[in-house]
Protein backbone atom coordinates (compact mmCIF):
# COMPACT_ATOMS: atom_id res chain seq x y z
CA MET A 1 -135.88 -47.68 -90.89
CA PRO A 2 -137.35 -50.05 -88.28
CA HIS A 3 -138.28 -47.08 -86.08
CA ALA A 4 -139.61 -44.79 -88.81
CA ALA A 5 -143.31 -44.02 -88.98
CA ALA A 6 -142.96 -42.66 -92.52
CA VAL A 7 -140.33 -41.58 -95.00
CA ILE A 8 -140.30 -38.33 -96.94
CA GLY A 9 -138.00 -38.44 -99.92
CA HIS A 10 -137.36 -37.45 -103.50
CA GLY A 11 -137.77 -40.94 -104.94
CA GLY A 12 -134.14 -41.95 -105.15
CA PHE A 13 -133.60 -45.68 -105.33
CA GLY A 14 -131.87 -46.15 -101.97
CA ALA A 15 -134.47 -44.67 -99.63
CA THR A 16 -137.36 -45.85 -101.79
CA ILE A 17 -136.35 -49.52 -101.85
CA THR A 18 -135.29 -49.49 -98.20
CA SER A 19 -138.68 -48.07 -97.19
CA LEU A 20 -140.52 -50.60 -99.31
CA ALA A 21 -138.52 -53.48 -97.86
CA ALA A 22 -139.23 -52.27 -94.31
CA GLY A 23 -142.93 -51.65 -94.95
CA VAL A 24 -142.60 -47.98 -94.07
CA PRO A 25 -145.06 -45.71 -95.93
CA GLN A 26 -143.63 -42.94 -98.07
CA VAL A 27 -144.36 -39.45 -99.25
CA VAL A 28 -142.35 -39.03 -102.42
CA LEU A 29 -141.66 -35.66 -104.02
CA PRO A 30 -139.61 -36.28 -107.17
CA LEU A 31 -137.40 -33.36 -108.07
CA PHE A 32 -135.02 -33.82 -110.98
CA ALA A 33 -134.10 -37.31 -112.20
CA PHE A 34 -136.29 -39.51 -114.38
CA ASP A 35 -136.08 -42.48 -112.00
CA GLN A 36 -137.42 -40.38 -109.13
CA PHE A 37 -140.65 -39.77 -111.04
CA VAL A 38 -140.95 -43.44 -112.00
CA ASN A 39 -140.28 -44.58 -108.42
CA ALA A 40 -142.76 -42.08 -106.97
CA GLU A 41 -145.51 -43.15 -109.35
CA ARG A 42 -144.84 -46.81 -108.59
CA VAL A 43 -144.92 -46.26 -104.81
CA ALA A 44 -148.34 -44.65 -105.20
CA ALA A 45 -149.56 -47.31 -107.64
CA VAL A 46 -148.83 -50.16 -105.25
CA GLY A 47 -150.38 -48.31 -102.31
CA ALA A 48 -147.16 -47.88 -100.36
CA GLY A 49 -147.38 -44.11 -100.19
CA VAL A 50 -148.18 -40.84 -101.86
CA CYS A 51 -146.60 -39.22 -104.90
CA LEU A 52 -146.52 -35.43 -104.87
CA GLU A 53 -146.23 -33.74 -108.23
CA GLY A 54 -144.91 -30.34 -109.09
CA GLY A 55 -141.30 -30.53 -108.00
CA VAL A 56 -140.36 -27.89 -105.46
CA ALA A 57 -143.86 -26.38 -105.72
CA GLY A 58 -145.22 -29.69 -104.40
CA VAL A 59 -143.73 -28.91 -100.98
CA SER A 60 -146.90 -26.93 -100.23
CA LYS A 61 -148.79 -30.26 -100.21
CA LEU A 62 -146.28 -32.03 -97.98
CA ALA A 63 -148.02 -31.60 -94.60
CA SER A 64 -151.31 -32.83 -95.99
CA ALA A 65 -149.67 -35.85 -97.63
CA VAL A 66 -147.85 -36.81 -94.42
CA ALA A 67 -151.11 -36.55 -92.47
CA ASP A 68 -152.77 -38.77 -95.09
CA VAL A 69 -150.01 -41.39 -94.81
CA PHE A 70 -150.22 -41.36 -91.00
CA GLY A 71 -154.01 -41.53 -91.11
CA ARG A 72 -154.35 -44.63 -93.27
CA SER A 73 -152.99 -47.94 -92.06
CA ALA A 74 -153.32 -49.31 -95.61
CA TYR A 75 -150.15 -47.43 -96.58
CA ARG A 76 -148.18 -49.41 -94.01
CA GLN A 77 -149.61 -52.58 -95.48
CA GLY A 78 -148.88 -51.47 -99.05
CA ARG A 79 -152.44 -51.78 -100.24
């Protein structure tokens, strides 16, 4: 995680909390479990990344979301 510029994940607890602890911005695309949706919404709410909705269909927004995360230093700062 110390060398990551961003994390793309499904909102599982492990990668989500590790990214938050390391200050690495996230693009979260929750897929199937309730906690993934909660984690994704919380990451977005605290300004630590982007939550993509729509499950697998949300993949079409992935490139744009990653560019957004890279383009805003506020995501790295979590605000």
